[in-house]
Amino acid sequence: MPDQIRDILSGVQSGAMTVDEAVTALKWSPFEDLGFARLDTHRQLRTGVPEVIYCAGKTPDQVATIVERLYERHGAVMGTRASPDHYAAVAERFPHAVLHQPAQIIEVRAEPRPELAADTPFLLVISAGTSDQKVAEEAAVTAEILGTRVERLYDCGVAGLHRILSERDRLSRAKVLVVVAGMEGALPSVVGGLVERPVIAVPTSVGYGASFQGLAALLGMLNTCASGVTVVNIDNGFGAGYFAHLVCRG
């Protein structure tokens, strides 16, 4: 998007494009109205990341149409909370589309992701249990698509504290840590007390009745006694991965 706008402005400057032609070319820039959705085509220019599609609640055809339009603008599209039906509709138009499971993320790219050097600062995504992996993968895949190097450390909950303590070296080397946990949500407090890096806590809806679909974990994380821990909403792996990407990028 920034390159397209520079090309238009350069065209006006050089005389290759009239002002009226430039206005016509920029008409779609603030948003594009599809009737059922208004695409924020300026988002990459403002924030550095194009609009991401939240697929849940949209029909497969709506998702495929949005993907098509954003792909034309940016050459790379991500859709979260995607079902197999959403993916099937997108794959009809883009056979090279990828459905990342269990993250439920669709990725469509014109070019492969750039390879990152082995010494690039990395995000460490940690899950308390295997049952939390779906949300952990949403965070990890989101950050990877946005361009962050990610390492994973799964099934390290406080019921077996030796599992996380055995990984102290990796904990200390990460630039930022996303810690995903359900049940009582204790793991982010433990990790926050071991590292000097930002910790992003993600409560999940994993747990028995008194967990109240993740509310117990959310409240436990909000009440953490460890400094340097911030909390996103229940099951919000995407929000955690996005924010971790911003930290790594900064």
Foldseek 3Di string as FASTA:
>chain_A
DVVVLVVLVVCCVVVVAPPVRSCVVCVCQCWDCPPVDTARNCCCVVPVDGDAAACPPPALQVLLVVCVVVCVRPQKYKYFPADPSNVVSNCVVPVPWDQDPPQRMIIGGPDDQDDDDPLQAAEEEEEQAPVQVNLSVVLQVLLVSSPGHYDYHYNCHPVNVVSVVVCLVVLARHQEYEYEYEDQQCVQLVSLVRYPHAYEYEFELDDDDVSVRRPNNQVNQVPRPRPRYDYDYYSPSNVNNVVVSVSSVD
